[in-house]
Structure formats: C-alpha cells, structure tokens
Amino acid sequence: MPIPPSRCSSRNKSPDHIPRPRNAFMLFRSAFAAAQKISTNIEHDNRHITRIIAHCWNRLSEADKQVWRDKAAAEKAEHAQRHPNYRFSPVGRAKKPVKRNVRRNGVEDRKRCEKVAELLLAGKDGKELESAVKEIDVEISSVSERSDCSQVIPLLGAEQPRTVLGGCHPSKGDSEDCDIPPFRSPLLPPAKVAIASSHRITDKTIFLPVSIPAS
C-alpha cells in the first residue's frame, strides 16, 4: 500500500509546527484508511476504525510488520535531514476537552470491530463486505435483546404475596395462628364467650355481643 502524506492535527494552527515522524503502525493506518476499505456504511467512528485497523495490524506476520518498520525508519531519517534541530516538545491543551457521552464502547462493540477486521483479512470488500457486516449487526442486536429479556423477572408462575387479614396470613395450615374468629354456621348454637372478671374499661376495650342461653 502506498504511504499517504502525513497530516497535522487540526488543533495545531501554528504554521511553524513540525509534525513528528510516524511510527510503523501510524504509516500502516494511514495507508489502510487511504485505501478506503472501510466505508461510512460500515463504520464512521474514528475510534472504532482505529480498532479495526489495529486488529488487522496484530494479525500481520513479523515479516509484513518489518516492511512498515523499515518505512518508518526511512521517514524518520528523512525527517532528521529536513529538520536537523527538531526536538519533540509536546504542548498541552489550553483547556480540557469536553467529554462526550460515549455509548458505543462496550464488549459487543469491540467484538464487532474484530469481526469486521476478520472480514477484511478474508478479502471481503465493497458490497460484499457491507452485506456481511449487516449480518453481524443483526446478530449482535438479537443477542442484546435476548440478554435484556433474560433479566426480566417472569410474572407468570411467580409466587404471589399472601393477603394479610387482621395480622393473619391465610394459607394452608395457618388457621391455628389466625386472629380472625373462624366462621360458624348460623344453624349452630352461639359460641360461649369467656367474660373477664376485671371491670376496668379503657379506650382500647372492645365490647363483643354475648349470647346468654335461656334458662
């Protein structure tokens, strides 16, 4: 791949600014981007484009990487001839950059970059590459939806809270601990109620109707 000329960053406005010589990966990335193998229909975020190209770089053999290292060494030597007094002096930014609300930085996004890189390494390009990437996006979307559904608690068949009546949880086997008097048939004689011997009346005293059997 031919090496495109280096471009200064947009924030370097000084006409006297001398850019640093590029390393092997920077040269590889510039040539990869110049070949326009990754269209905006595939990826438009420069962060993810760099990740895709980095994955391709990592898959190169040492012999292929050495080609770019040699090109980087040649550019560095040429840079030294043009600017013999050059010294790298990083300049801090005048103000802190505004943090973006980045959403596409999860595990699935990184996996997508790797899969796109694998397609590129397999020789896919153009419409064929775009079609394959669309299939990847559909697969990632379906996996994400299934993951969201698995986190929802199923309502059907779930144990429902028991209704509390008078401090009692009416369920099987709980009738002995219940404060509610059991239901009696109107055909049965009235139940005998014990009357306390104390005649002290308070604001919490409850008067119950007492049936006195006929003598």
N, C-alpha and C. Protein backbone atom coordinates (compact mmCIF):
# COMPACT_ATOMS: atom_id res chain seq x y z
N MET A 1 0.85 -1.20 0.00
CA MET A 1 0.00 0.00 0.00
C MET A 1 0.88 1.24 0.00
N PRO A 2 0.55 2.25 -0.83
CA PRO A 2 1.34 3.49 -0.83
C PRO A 2 1.14 4.25 0.47
N ILE A 3 2.14 5.04 0.83
CA ILE A 3 2.09 5.81 2.07
C ILE A 3 1.57 7.20 1.77
N PRO A 4 0.41 7.58 2.29
CA PRO A 4 -0.09 8.94 2.08
C PRO A 4 0.71 9.92 2.92
N PRO A 5 0.76 11.18 2.50
CA PRO A 5 1.49 12.18 3.29
C PRO A 5 0.85 12.38 4.64
N SER A 6 1.68 12.76 5.61
CA SER A 6 1.16 12.98 6.96
C SER A 6 0.34 14.26 7.00
N ARG A 7 -0.62 14.28 7.90
CA ARG A 7 -1.48 15.44 8.08
C ARG A 7 -1.38 15.91 9.51
N CYS A 8 -1.25 17.20 9.70
CA CYS A 8 -1.15 17.76 11.04
C CYS A 8 -2.52 17.75 11.69
N SER A 9 -2.52 17.68 12.98
CA SER A 9 -3.77 17.73 13.71
C SER A 9 -4.42 19.09 13.54
N SER A 10 -5.75 19.12 13.59
CA SER A 10 -6.49 20.36 13.36
C SER A 10 -6.23 21.38 14.45
N ARG A 11 -5.80 20.92 15.64
CA ARG A 11 -5.59 21.88 16.71
C ARG A 11 -4.22 22.55 16.62
N ASN A 12 -3.34 22.05 15.72
CA ASN A 12 -2.03 22.68 15.53
C ASN A 12 -2.17 23.77 14.47
N LYS A 13 -2.37 24.98 14.91
CA LYS A 13 -2.63 26.08 14.00
C LYS A 13 -1.36 26.85 13.63
N SER A 14 -0.28 26.60 14.31
CA SER A 14 0.95 27.33 14.02
C SER A 14 1.54 26.87 12.69
N PRO A 15 1.85 27.80 11.80
CA PRO A 15 2.45 27.39 10.51
C PRO A 15 3.86 26.85 10.67
N ASP A 16 4.50 27.13 11.79
CA ASP A 16 5.86 26.66 12.02
C ASP A 16 5.90 25.30 12.71
N HIS A 17 4.73 24.72 12.94
CA HIS A 17 4.69 23.44 13.64
C HIS A 17 5.29 22.33 12.78
N ILE A 18 6.15 21.53 13.38
CA ILE A 18 6.77 20.40 12.69
C ILE A 18 6.19 19.11 13.25
N PRO A 19 5.49 18.34 12.44
CA PRO A 19 4.91 17.09 12.94
C PRO A 19 5.98 16.04 13.22
N ARG A 20 5.68 15.16 14.13
CA ARG A 20 6.60 14.08 14.46
C ARG A 20 6.65 13.06 13.32
N PRO A 21 7.76 12.38 13.16
CA PRO A 21 7.78 11.28 12.18
C PRO A 21 6.88 10.14 12.66
N ARG A 22 6.20 9.52 11.74
CA ARG A 22 5.23 8.49 12.11
C ARG A 22 5.91 7.14 12.37
N ASN A 23 5.31 6.39 13.27
CA ASN A 23 5.84 5.05 13.53
C ASN A 23 5.23 4.06 12.54
N ALA A 24 5.56 2.79 12.70
CA ALA A 24 5.14 1.77 11.74
C ALA A 24 3.62 1.64 11.70
N PHE A 25 2.98 1.59 12.85
CA PHE A 25 1.52 1.43 12.85
C PHE A 25 0.83 2.66 12.27
N MET A 26 1.33 3.85 12.56
CA MET A 26 0.72 5.07 12.02
C MET A 26 0.79 5.07 10.50
N LEU A 27 1.91 4.60 9.95
CA LEU A 27 2.03 4.52 8.50
C LEU A 27 1.05 3.48 7.94
N PHE A 28 0.94 2.35 8.63
CA PHE A 28 0.01 1.30 8.20
C PHE A 28 -1.42 1.80 8.25
N ARG A 29 -1.77 2.51 9.31
CA ARG A 29 -3.13 3.03 9.44
C ARG A 29 -3.44 4.04 8.35
N SER A 30 -2.49 4.94 8.08
CA SER A 30 -2.71 5.96 7.06
C SER A 30 -2.93 5.33 5.69
N ALA A 31 -2.13 4.32 5.37
CA ALA A 31 -2.28 3.65 4.09
C ALA A 31 -3.59 2.86 4.03
N PHE A 32 -3.98 2.24 5.14
CA PHE A 32 -5.22 1.47 5.20
C PHE A 32 -6.42 2.40 5.01
N ALA A 33 -6.39 3.54 5.69
CA ALA A 33 -7.50 4.49 5.57
C ALA A 33 -7.56 5.10 4.17
N ALA A 34 -6.40 5.35 3.58
CA ALA A 34 -6.37 5.94 2.24
C ALA A 34 -6.94 4.99 1.20
N ALA A 35 -6.84 3.69 1.45
CA ALA A 35 -7.39 2.71 0.52
C ALA A 35 -8.91 2.66 0.55
N GLN A 36 -9.52 3.32 1.54
CA GLN A 36 -10.98 3.42 1.67
C GLN A 36 -11.64 2.04 1.68
N LYS A 37 -11.06 1.14 2.42
CA LYS A 37 -11.65 -0.19 2.55
C LYS A 37 -12.83 -0.19 3.52
N ILE A 38 -12.84 0.78 4.44
CA ILE A 38 -13.91 0.86 5.43
C ILE A 38 -14.77 2.07 5.09
N SER A 39 -15.92 1.83 4.48
CA SER A 39 -16.80 2.93 4.11
C SER A 39 -17.60 3.39 5.32
N THR A 40 -18.26 4.52 5.18
CA THR A 40 -19.07 5.05 6.28
C THR A 40 -20.29 4.17 6.55
N ASN A 41 -20.69 3.35 5.58
CA ASN A 41 -21.79 2.41 5.81
C ASN A 41 -21.39 1.29 6.76
N ILE A 42 -20.08 1.07 6.87
CA ILE A 42 -19.57 0.04 7.76
C ILE A 42 -19.22 0.62 9.12
N GLU A 43 -18.49 1.72 9.12
CA GLU A 43 -18.11 2.38 10.37
C GLU A 43 -17.75 3.83 10.08
N HIS A 44 -18.22 4.73 10.95
CA HIS A 44 -17.94 6.15 10.78
C HIS A 44 -17.21 6.75 11.97
N ASP A 45 -17.06 5.98 13.03
CA ASP A 45 -16.38 6.47 14.23
C ASP A 45 -14.89 6.17 14.11
N ASN A 46 -14.07 7.21 14.19
CA ASN A 46 -12.63 7.02 14.03
C ASN A 46 -12.03 6.12 15.10
N ARG A 47 -12.62 6.13 16.29
CA ARG A 47 -12.11 5.26 17.35
C ARG A 47 -12.24 3.79 16.96
N HIS A 48 -13.39 3.44 16.41
CA HIS A 48 -13.62 2.05 16.01
C HIS A 48 -12.86 1.70 14.73
N ILE A 49 -12.69 2.68 13.86
CA ILE A 49 -11.88 2.44 12.66
C ILE A 49 -10.45 2.10 13.05
N THR A 50 -9.92 2.83 14.03
CA THR A 50 -8.57 2.55 14.52
C THR A 50 -8.50 1.16 15.13
N ARG A 51 -9.54 0.76 15.87
CA ARG A 51 -9.56 -0.58 16.46
C ARG A 51 -9.57 -1.67 15.38
N ILE A 52 -10.35 -1.44 14.33
CA ILE A 52 -10.40 -2.41 13.24
C ILE A 52 -9.03 -2.56 12.59
N ILE A 53 -8.41 -1.42 12.30
CA ILE A 53 -7.09 -1.45 11.66
C ILE A 53 -6.05 -2.04 12.60
N ALA A 54 -6.16 -1.74 13.89
CA ALA A 54 -5.21 -2.30 14.86
C ALA A 54 -5.31 -3.82 14.91
N HIS A 55 -6.53 -4.35 14.79
CA HIS A 55 -6.70 -5.80 14.78
C HIS A 55 -6.05 -6.39 13.53
N CYS A 56 -6.19 -5.71 12.41
CA CYS A 56 -5.54 -6.17 11.18
C CYS A 56 -4.02 -6.13 11.33
N TRP A 57 -3.52 -5.09 11.99
CA TRP A 57 -2.08 -4.96 12.22
C TRP A 57 -1.57 -6.11 13.09
N ASN A 58 -2.31 -6.44 14.11
CA ASN A 58 -1.88 -7.52 15.01
C ASN A 58 -1.87 -8.88 14.33
N ARG A 59 -2.64 -9.01 13.26
CA ARG A 59 -2.69 -10.28 12.53
C ARG A 59 -1.59 -10.39 11.47
N LEU A 60 -0.86 -9.32 11.26
CA LEU A 60 0.22 -9.36 10.28
C LEU A 60 1.36 -10.23 10.80
N SER A 61 2.06 -10.84 9.89
CA SER A 61 3.26 -11.60 10.26
C SER A 61 4.39 -10.63 10.60
N GLU A 62 5.40 -11.12 11.26
CA GLU A 62 6.53 -10.27 11.61
C GLU A 62 7.23 -9.74 10.36
N ALA A 63 7.23 -10.54 9.31
CA ALA A 63 7.85 -10.10 8.06
C ALA A 63 7.08 -8.92 7.47
N ASP A 64 5.74 -9.00 7.50
CA ASP A 64 4.93 -7.90 6.97
C ASP A 64 5.07 -6.65 7.84
N LYS A 65 5.12 -6.85 9.15
CA LYS A 65 5.31 -5.69 10.04
C LYS A 65 6.67 -5.04 9.81
N GLN A 66 7.66 -5.85 9.51
CA GLN A 66 9.00 -5.31 9.31
C GLN A 66 9.04 -4.38 8.10
N VAL A 67 8.20 -4.65 7.11
CA VAL A 67 8.13 -3.76 5.95
C VAL A 67 7.75 -2.36 6.39
N TRP A 68 6.77 -2.25 7.27
CA TRP A 68 6.32 -0.95 7.75
C TRP A 68 7.31 -0.33 8.73
N ARG A 69 8.02 -1.16 9.45
CA ARG A 69 9.06 -0.63 10.33
C ARG A 69 10.20 -0.02 9.52
N ASP A 70 10.50 -0.65 8.41
CA ASP A 70 11.55 -0.09 7.53
C ASP A 70 11.09 1.23 6.93
N LYS A 71 9.81 1.29 6.56
CA LYS A 71 9.29 2.55 6.02
C LYS A 71 9.30 3.65 7.09
N ALA A 72 9.00 3.27 8.32
CA ALA A 72 9.03 4.25 9.41
C ALA A 72 10.45 4.74 9.66
N ALA A 73 11.41 3.84 9.58
CA ALA A 73 12.81 4.23 9.77
C ALA A 73 13.26 5.17 8.65
N ALA A 74 12.81 4.90 7.42
CA ALA A 74 13.18 5.77 6.30
C ALA A 74 12.56 7.15 6.47
N GLU A 75 11.30 7.21 6.92
CA GLU A 75 10.66 8.51 7.13
C GLU A 75 11.34 9.28 8.26
N LYS A 76 11.77 8.56 9.29
CA LYS A 76 12.45 9.22 10.41
C LYS A 76 13.79 9.80 9.97
N ALA A 77 14.52 9.07 9.11
CA ALA A 77 15.80 9.57 8.62
C ALA A 77 15.59 10.80 7.73
N GLU A 78 14.58 10.73 6.88
CA GLU A 78 14.28 11.89 6.03
C GLU A 78 13.84 13.08 6.86
N HIS A 79 13.08 12.81 7.91
CA HIS A 79 12.62 13.88 8.81
C HIS A 79 13.81 14.54 9.50
N ALA A 80 14.81 13.74 9.88
CA ALA A 80 16.00 14.29 10.54
C ALA A 80 16.82 15.16 9.59
N GLN A 81 16.85 14.81 8.31
CA GLN A 81 17.57 15.62 7.33
C GLN A 81 16.86 16.95 7.09
N ARG A 82 15.54 16.91 7.06
CA ARG A 82 14.79 18.15 6.82
C ARG A 82 14.78 19.06 8.04
N HIS A 83 14.75 18.47 9.19
CA HIS A 83 14.66 19.25 10.43
C HIS A 83 15.75 18.79 11.40
N PRO A 84 16.99 19.16 11.15
CA PRO A 84 18.10 18.67 12.00
C PRO A 84 18.01 19.16 13.44
N ASN A 85 17.37 20.27 13.67
CA ASN A 85 17.27 20.81 15.03
C ASN A 85 15.94 20.46 15.71
N TYR A 86 15.23 19.51 15.13
CA TYR A 86 13.92 19.17 15.68
C TYR A 86 14.05 18.46 17.02
N ARG A 87 13.27 18.89 17.97
CA ARG A 87 13.15 18.24 19.27
C ARG A 87 11.66 18.12 19.59
N PHE A 88 11.26 16.94 19.93
CA PHE A 88 9.85 16.75 20.25
C PHE A 88 9.52 17.43 21.57
N SER A 89 8.57 18.34 21.51
CA SER A 89 8.15 19.06 22.72
C SER A 89 6.62 19.10 22.73
N PRO A 90 6.00 18.17 23.44
CA PRO A 90 4.53 18.15 23.47
C PRO A 90 3.97 19.40 24.12
N VAL A 91 2.89 19.90 23.55
CA VAL A 91 2.23 21.11 24.04
C VAL A 91 0.88 20.70 24.61
N GLY A 92 0.64 21.09 25.86
CA GLY A 92 -0.64 20.77 26.49
C GLY A 92 -1.77 21.60 25.91
N ARG A 93 -2.95 21.10 26.03
CA ARG A 93 -4.11 21.82 25.51
C ARG A 93 -4.44 22.99 26.41
N ALA A 94 -4.96 24.05 25.78
CA ALA A 94 -5.29 25.25 26.55
C ALA A 94 -6.40 24.97 27.55
N LYS A 95 -7.35 24.17 27.18
CA LYS A 95 -8.44 23.81 28.08
C LYS A 95 -8.80 22.34 27.89
N LYS A 96 -9.35 21.76 28.91
CA LYS A 96 -9.68 20.35 28.86
C LYS A 96 -10.78 20.10 27.83
N PRO A 97 -10.64 19.03 27.07
CA PRO A 97 -11.68 18.73 26.08
C PRO A 97 -12.98 18.32 26.77
N VAL A 98 -14.07 18.63 26.12
CA VAL A 98 -15.38 18.27 26.65
C VAL A 98 -15.59 16.77 26.46
N LYS A 99 -15.92 16.10 27.55
CA LYS A 99 -16.13 14.66 27.48
C LYS A 99 -17.43 14.36 26.75
N ARG A 100 -17.33 13.45 25.81
CA ARG A 100 -18.51 13.05 25.06
C ARG A 100 -19.24 11.92 25.78
N ASN A 101 -20.53 11.89 25.53
CA ASN A 101 -21.34 10.81 26.09
C ASN A 101 -21.20 9.59 25.17
N VAL A 102 -20.14 8.82 25.41
CA VAL A 102 -19.83 7.70 24.55
C VAL A 102 -20.65 6.48 24.96
N ARG A 103 -21.41 5.96 24.04
CA ARG A 103 -22.24 4.79 24.32
C ARG A 103 -21.67 3.53 23.68
N ARG A 104 -21.03 3.68 22.53
CA ARG A 104 -20.53 2.53 21.80
C ARG A 104 -19.12 2.19 22.27
N ASN A 105 -19.01 1.72 23.47
CA ASN A 105 -17.70 1.37 24.00
C ASN A 105 -17.78 0.10 24.84
N GLY A 106 -18.75 -0.75 24.52
CA GLY A 106 -18.94 -1.96 25.29
C GLY A 106 -18.22 -3.15 24.67
N VAL A 107 -18.44 -4.30 25.29
CA VAL A 107 -17.80 -5.53 24.83
C VAL A 107 -18.28 -5.90 23.42
N GLU A 108 -19.59 -5.74 23.17
CA GLU A 108 -20.13 -6.09 21.86
C GLU A 108 -19.55 -5.19 20.77
N ASP A 109 -19.30 -3.92 21.10
CA ASP A 109 -18.72 -3.00 20.11
C ASP A 109 -17.30 -3.42 19.74
N ARG A 110 -16.54 -3.86 20.74
CA ARG A 110 -15.17 -4.31 20.47
C ARG A 110 -15.18 -5.61 19.66
N LYS A 111 -16.12 -6.49 19.98
CA LYS A 111 -16.21 -7.73 19.21
C LYS A 111 -16.59 -7.44 17.76
N ARG A 112 -17.44 -6.45 17.57
CA ARG A 112 -17.83 -6.08 16.20
C ARG A 112 -16.62 -5.62 15.41
N CYS A 113 -15.76 -4.82 16.03
CA CYS A 113 -14.55 -4.35 15.35
C CYS A 113 -13.67 -5.53 14.93
N GLU A 114 -13.55 -6.51 15.81
CA GLU A 114 -12.73 -7.68 15.49
C GLU A 114 -13.33 -8.47 14.33
N LYS A 115 -14.66 -8.61 14.32
CA LYS A 115 -15.31 -9.36 13.25
C LYS A 115 -15.18 -8.64 11.91
N VAL A 116 -15.30 -7.31 11.94
CA VAL A 116 -15.12 -6.54 10.69
C VAL A 116 -13.70 -6.71 10.19
N ALA A 117 -12.73 -6.68 11.10
CA ALA A 117 -11.33 -6.87 10.71
C ALA A 117 -11.11 -8.25 10.10
N GLU A 118 -11.75 -9.27 10.67
CA GLU A 118 -11.61 -10.63 10.13
C GLU A 118 -12.17 -10.71 8.71
N LEU A 119 -13.26 -10.00 8.46
CA LEU A 119 -13.82 -9.98 7.10
C LEU A 119 -12.86 -9.31 6.13
N LEU A 120 -12.24 -8.22 6.57
CA LEU A 120 -11.27 -7.53 5.72
C LEU A 120 -10.06 -8.42 5.44
N LEU A 121 -9.61 -9.13 6.46
CA LEU A 121 -8.46 -10.02 6.27
C LEU A 121 -8.81 -11.19 5.37
N ALA A 122 -10.11 -11.55 5.33
CA ALA A 122 -10.55 -12.64 4.45
C ALA A 122 -10.70 -12.19 3.00
N GLY A 123 -10.49 -10.89 2.76
CA GLY A 123 -10.54 -10.38 1.39
C GLY A 123 -11.86 -9.80 0.96
N LYS A 124 -12.80 -9.67 1.88
CA LYS A 124 -14.10 -9.09 1.51
C LYS A 124 -13.99 -7.58 1.40
N ASP A 125 -14.70 -7.03 0.45
CA ASP A 125 -14.73 -5.58 0.27
C ASP A 125 -16.00 -5.17 -0.45
N GLY A 126 -16.23 -3.87 -0.56
CA GLY A 126 -17.38 -3.36 -1.29
C GLY A 126 -18.71 -3.81 -0.72
N LYS A 127 -19.64 -4.11 -1.62
CA LYS A 127 -20.99 -4.52 -1.22
C LYS A 127 -20.98 -5.84 -0.46
N GLU A 128 -20.08 -6.70 -0.82
CA GLU A 128 -19.99 -7.99 -0.12
C GLU A 128 -19.62 -7.78 1.35
N LEU A 129 -18.71 -6.86 1.59
CA LEU A 129 -18.31 -6.55 2.97
C LEU A 129 -19.46 -5.90 3.73
N GLU A 130 -20.15 -4.96 3.09
CA GLU A 130 -21.26 -4.28 3.75
C GLU A 130 -22.37 -5.27 4.11
N SER A 131 -22.66 -6.21 3.21
CA SER A 131 -23.70 -7.20 3.48
C SER A 131 -23.31 -8.09 4.66
N ALA A 132 -22.04 -8.48 4.72
CA ALA A 132 -21.58 -9.33 5.83
C ALA A 132 -21.62 -8.58 7.15
N VAL A 133 -21.30 -7.30 7.12
CA VAL A 133 -21.32 -6.50 8.35
C VAL A 133 -22.75 -6.32 8.83
N LYS A 134 -23.70 -6.18 7.90
CA LYS A 134 -25.11 -6.07 8.30
C LYS A 134 -25.57 -7.32 9.03
N GLU A 135 -25.12 -8.47 8.57
CA GLU A 135 -25.48 -9.72 9.25
C GLU A 135 -24.89 -9.76 10.66
N ILE A 136 -23.69 -9.22 10.81
CA ILE A 136 -23.08 -9.15 12.14
C ILE A 136 -23.89 -8.25 13.05
N ASP A 137 -24.33 -7.10 12.52
CA ASP A 137 -25.12 -6.16 13.32
C ASP A 137 -26.45 -6.78 13.75
N VAL A 138 -27.09 -7.53 12.85
CA VAL A 138 -28.35 -8.19 13.19
C VAL A 138 -28.11 -9.22 14.29
N GLU A 139 -27.04 -9.96 14.18
CA GLU A 139 -26.72 -10.98 15.19
C GLU A 139 -26.46 -10.34 16.55
N ILE A 140 -25.68 -9.25 16.57
CA ILE A 140 -25.38 -8.57 17.83
C ILE A 140 -26.65 -8.00 18.43
N SER A 141 -27.54 -7.45 17.59
CA SER A 141 -28.78 -6.87 18.09
C SER A 141 -29.68 -7.93 18.70
N SER A 142 -29.77 -9.10 18.07
CA SER A 142 -30.62 -10.17 18.61
C SER A 142 -30.06 -10.71 19.91
N VAL A 143 -28.75 -10.82 20.02
CA VAL A 143 -28.13 -11.29 21.27
C VAL A 143 -28.38 -10.30 22.39
N SER A 144 -28.30 -9.01 22.06
CA SER A 144 -28.54 -7.98 23.07
C SER A 144 -29.98 -8.01 23.56
N GLU A 145 -30.94 -8.24 22.63
CA GLU A 145 -32.35 -8.30 23.01
C GLU A 145 -32.63 -9.51 23.90
N ARG A 146 -32.02 -10.66 23.56
CA ARG A 146 -32.22 -11.85 24.40
C ARG A 146 -31.63 -11.64 25.78
N SER A 147 -30.52 -10.93 25.86
CA SER A 147 -29.91 -10.67 27.15
C SER A 147 -30.79 -9.78 28.01
N ASP A 148 -31.44 -8.78 27.36
CA ASP A 148 -32.33 -7.89 28.10
C ASP A 148 -33.56 -8.65 28.60
N CYS A 149 -34.09 -9.56 27.77
CA CYS A 149 -35.28 -10.31 28.17
C CYS A 149 -34.98 -11.27 29.31
N SER A 150 -33.78 -11.81 29.35
CA SER A 150 -33.43 -12.77 30.40
C SER A 150 -33.33 -12.11 31.76
N GLN A 151 -33.18 -10.78 31.78
CA GLN A 151 -33.07 -10.07 33.04
C GLN A 151 -34.42 -9.67 33.61
N VAL A 152 -35.49 -9.85 32.82
CA VAL A 152 -36.83 -9.51 33.29
C VAL A 152 -37.38 -10.66 34.11
N ILE A 153 -37.88 -10.39 35.30
CA ILE A 153 -38.43 -11.43 36.17
C ILE A 153 -39.76 -11.90 35.60
N PRO A 154 -39.91 -13.18 35.31
CA PRO A 154 -41.18 -13.67 34.76
C PRO A 154 -42.28 -13.56 35.79
N LEU A 155 -43.43 -13.04 35.36
CA LEU A 155 -44.56 -12.85 36.27
C LEU A 155 -45.42 -14.09 36.36
N LEU A 156 -45.54 -14.80 35.24
CA LEU A 156 -46.39 -15.99 35.27
C LEU A 156 -45.72 -17.08 36.08
N GLY A 157 -46.46 -17.65 37.01
CA GLY A 157 -45.92 -18.71 37.83
C GLY A 157 -45.14 -18.23 39.01
N ALA A 158 -44.97 -16.92 39.17
CA ALA A 158 -44.23 -16.39 40.31
C ALA A 158 -45.09 -16.45 41.55
N GLU A 159 -44.47 -16.66 42.69
CA GLU A 159 -45.20 -16.73 43.95
C GLU A 159 -45.73 -15.36 44.30
N GLN A 160 -47.02 -15.26 44.52
CA GLN A 160 -47.66 -14.00 44.84
C GLN A 160 -47.70 -13.80 46.34
N PRO A 161 -47.56 -12.58 46.82
CA PRO A 161 -47.63 -12.32 48.26
C PRO A 161 -49.01 -12.64 48.80
N ARG A 162 -49.05 -13.23 49.98
CA ARG A 162 -50.33 -13.59 50.59
C ARG A 162 -50.96 -12.38 51.24
N THR A 163 -52.27 -12.29 51.12
CA THR A 163 -53.01 -11.16 51.68
C THR A 163 -53.03 -11.25 53.19
N VAL A 164 -52.77 -10.14 53.84
CA VAL A 164 -52.76 -10.09 55.29
C VAL A 164 -54.12 -9.62 55.78
N LEU A 165 -54.77 -10.41 56.58
CA LEU A 165 -56.07 -10.06 57.14
C LEU A 165 -55.98 -10.11 58.66
N GLY A 166 -56.07 -8.96 59.28
CA GLY A 166 -56.07 -8.92 60.73
C GLY A 166 -54.84 -9.53 61.35
N GLY A 167 -53.66 -9.37 60.70
CA GLY A 167 -52.44 -9.93 61.23
C GLY A 167 -52.27 -11.39 60.91
N CYS A 168 -53.07 -11.91 60.01
CA CYS A 168 -53.02 -13.34 59.69
C CYS A 168 -52.72 -13.52 58.22
N HIS A 169 -51.90 -14.48 57.89
CA HIS A 169 -51.63 -14.86 56.51
C HIS A 169 -52.43 -16.12 56.23
N PRO A 170 -53.61 -15.98 55.64
CA PRO A 170 -54.47 -17.15 55.45
C PRO A 170 -53.90 -18.08 54.40
N SER A 171 -53.35 -19.15 54.82
CA SER A 171 -52.87 -20.17 53.91
C SER A 171 -53.05 -21.51 54.58
N LYS A 172 -52.75 -22.54 53.86
CA LYS A 172 -52.96 -23.89 54.37
C LYS A 172 -52.10 -24.13 55.60
N GLY A 173 -52.76 -24.55 56.68
CA GLY A 173 -52.03 -24.86 57.90
C GLY A 173 -51.83 -23.69 58.82
N ASP A 174 -52.33 -22.50 58.46
CA ASP A 174 -52.12 -21.31 59.28
C ASP A 174 -53.33 -20.96 60.11
N SER A 175 -54.41 -21.74 60.05
CA SER A 175 -55.64 -21.35 60.72
C SER A 175 -55.48 -21.30 62.23
N GLU A 176 -54.51 -22.06 62.77
CA GLU A 176 -54.35 -22.08 64.22
C GLU A 176 -53.78 -20.77 64.74
N ASP A 177 -52.97 -20.07 63.94
CA ASP A 177 -52.34 -18.83 64.38
C ASP A 177 -53.12 -17.60 63.97
N CYS A 178 -54.26 -17.78 63.39
CA CYS A 178 -55.01 -16.65 62.86
C CYS A 178 -55.78 -15.94 63.97
N ASP A 179 -55.80 -14.60 63.93
CA ASP A 179 -56.53 -13.81 64.91
C ASP A 179 -58.01 -13.69 64.57
N ILE A 180 -58.39 -14.04 63.36
CA ILE A 180 -59.78 -13.87 62.94
C ILE A 180 -60.59 -15.06 63.43
N PRO A 181 -61.70 -14.83 64.08
CA PRO A 181 -62.50 -15.95 64.58
C PRO A 181 -63.01 -16.78 63.42
N PRO A 182 -63.03 -18.09 63.58
CA PRO A 182 -63.49 -18.96 62.49
C PRO A 182 -64.97 -18.76 62.21
N PHE A 183 -65.36 -19.06 61.01
CA PHE A 183 -66.76 -18.91 60.60
C PHE A 183 -67.61 -20.02 61.21
N ARG A 184 -68.74 -19.61 61.77
CA ARG A 184 -69.68 -20.58 62.34
C ARG A 184 -70.99 -20.51 61.58
N SER A 185 -71.55 -21.65 61.38
CA SER A 185 -72.83 -21.71 60.67
C SER A 185 -73.93 -21.09 61.53
N PRO A 186 -74.84 -20.35 60.93
CA PRO A 186 -75.94 -19.76 61.71
C PRO A 186 -76.88 -20.81 62.30
N LEU A 187 -76.79 -22.06 61.85
CA LEU A 187 -77.65 -23.12 62.38
C LEU A 187 -77.12 -23.68 63.69
N LEU A 188 -75.83 -23.39 63.98
CA LEU A 188 -75.24 -23.89 65.22
C LEU A 188 -75.56 -22.96 66.37
N PRO A 189 -75.57 -23.49 67.61
CA PRO A 189 -75.82 -22.62 68.77
C PRO A 189 -74.69 -21.63 68.92
N PRO A 190 -74.96 -20.45 69.48
CA PRO A 190 -73.91 -19.44 69.63
C PRO A 190 -72.79 -19.94 70.51
N ALA A 191 -71.58 -19.46 70.19
CA ALA A 191 -70.41 -19.88 70.96
C ALA A 191 -70.38 -19.18 72.29
N LYS A 192 -69.84 -19.89 73.27
CA LYS A 192 -69.70 -19.31 74.59
C LYS A 192 -68.46 -18.44 74.64
N VAL A 193 -68.62 -17.23 75.14
CA VAL A 193 -67.51 -16.28 75.21
C VAL A 193 -67.18 -16.06 76.67
N ALA A 194 -65.90 -16.25 76.99
CA ALA A 194 -65.48 -16.03 78.39
C ALA A 194 -65.48 -14.56 78.68
N ILE A 195 -66.07 -14.17 79.83
CA ILE A 195 -66.12 -12.77 80.24
C ILE A 195 -65.08 -12.55 81.32
N ALA A 196 -64.20 -11.57 81.08
CA ALA A 196 -63.13 -11.29 82.04
C ALA A 196 -63.72 -10.78 83.33
N SER A 197 -63.05 -11.12 84.43
CA SER A 197 -63.53 -10.71 85.75
C SER A 197 -63.27 -9.25 86.03
N SER A 198 -62.28 -8.68 85.32
CA SER A 198 -61.94 -7.28 85.55
C SER A 198 -62.98 -6.39 84.89
N HIS A 199 -63.42 -5.34 85.62
CA HIS A 199 -64.42 -4.41 85.08
C HIS A 199 -63.79 -3.10 84.66
N ARG A 200 -62.45 -3.06 84.56
CA ARG A 200 -61.77 -1.83 84.16
C ARG A 200 -61.98 -1.59 82.67
N ILE A 201 -62.44 -0.41 82.37
CA ILE A 201 -62.73 -0.08 80.97
C ILE A 201 -61.71 0.95 80.50
N THR A 202 -61.09 0.67 79.38
CA THR A 202 -60.13 1.61 78.79
C THR A 202 -60.60 1.97 77.40
N ASP A 203 -59.82 2.90 76.78
CA ASP A 203 -60.20 3.34 75.43
C ASP A 203 -59.97 2.26 74.40
N LYS A 204 -59.26 1.18 74.81
CA LYS A 204 -59.00 0.10 73.87
C LYS A 204 -59.87 -1.12 74.11
N THR A 205 -60.81 -1.00 75.07
CA THR A 205 -61.68 -2.13 75.39
C THR A 205 -62.66 -2.37 74.25
N ILE A 206 -62.77 -3.61 73.84
CA ILE A 206 -63.68 -3.98 72.75
C ILE A 206 -64.84 -4.77 73.35
N PHE A 207 -66.05 -4.30 73.11
CA PHE A 207 -67.25 -4.98 73.61
C PHE A 207 -67.77 -5.90 72.53
N LEU A 208 -67.90 -7.16 72.89
CA LEU A 208 -68.42 -8.14 71.95
C LEU A 208 -69.83 -8.53 72.38
N PRO A 209 -70.70 -8.75 71.44
CA PRO A 209 -72.05 -9.22 71.80
C PRO A 209 -71.98 -10.62 72.39
N VAL A 210 -72.60 -10.79 73.54
CA VAL A 210 -72.57 -12.08 74.23
C VAL A 210 -73.97 -12.67 74.22
N SER A 211 -74.05 -13.86 73.74
CA SER A 211 -75.35 -14.55 73.72
C SER A 211 -75.50 -15.34 75.01
N ILE A 212 -76.51 -15.02 75.80
CA ILE A 212 -76.76 -15.72 77.06
C ILE A 212 -77.85 -16.74 76.82
N PRO A 213 -77.52 -17.98 76.98
CA PRO A 213 -78.53 -19.02 76.71
C PRO A 213 -79.70 -18.91 77.68
N ALA A 214 -80.87 -19.19 77.17
CA ALA A 214 -82.09 -19.12 78.02
C ALA A 214 -82.05 -20.20 79.07
N SER A 215 -82.53 -19.85 80.26
CA SER A 215 -82.52 -20.81 81.37
C SER A 215 -83.67 -21.80 81.21
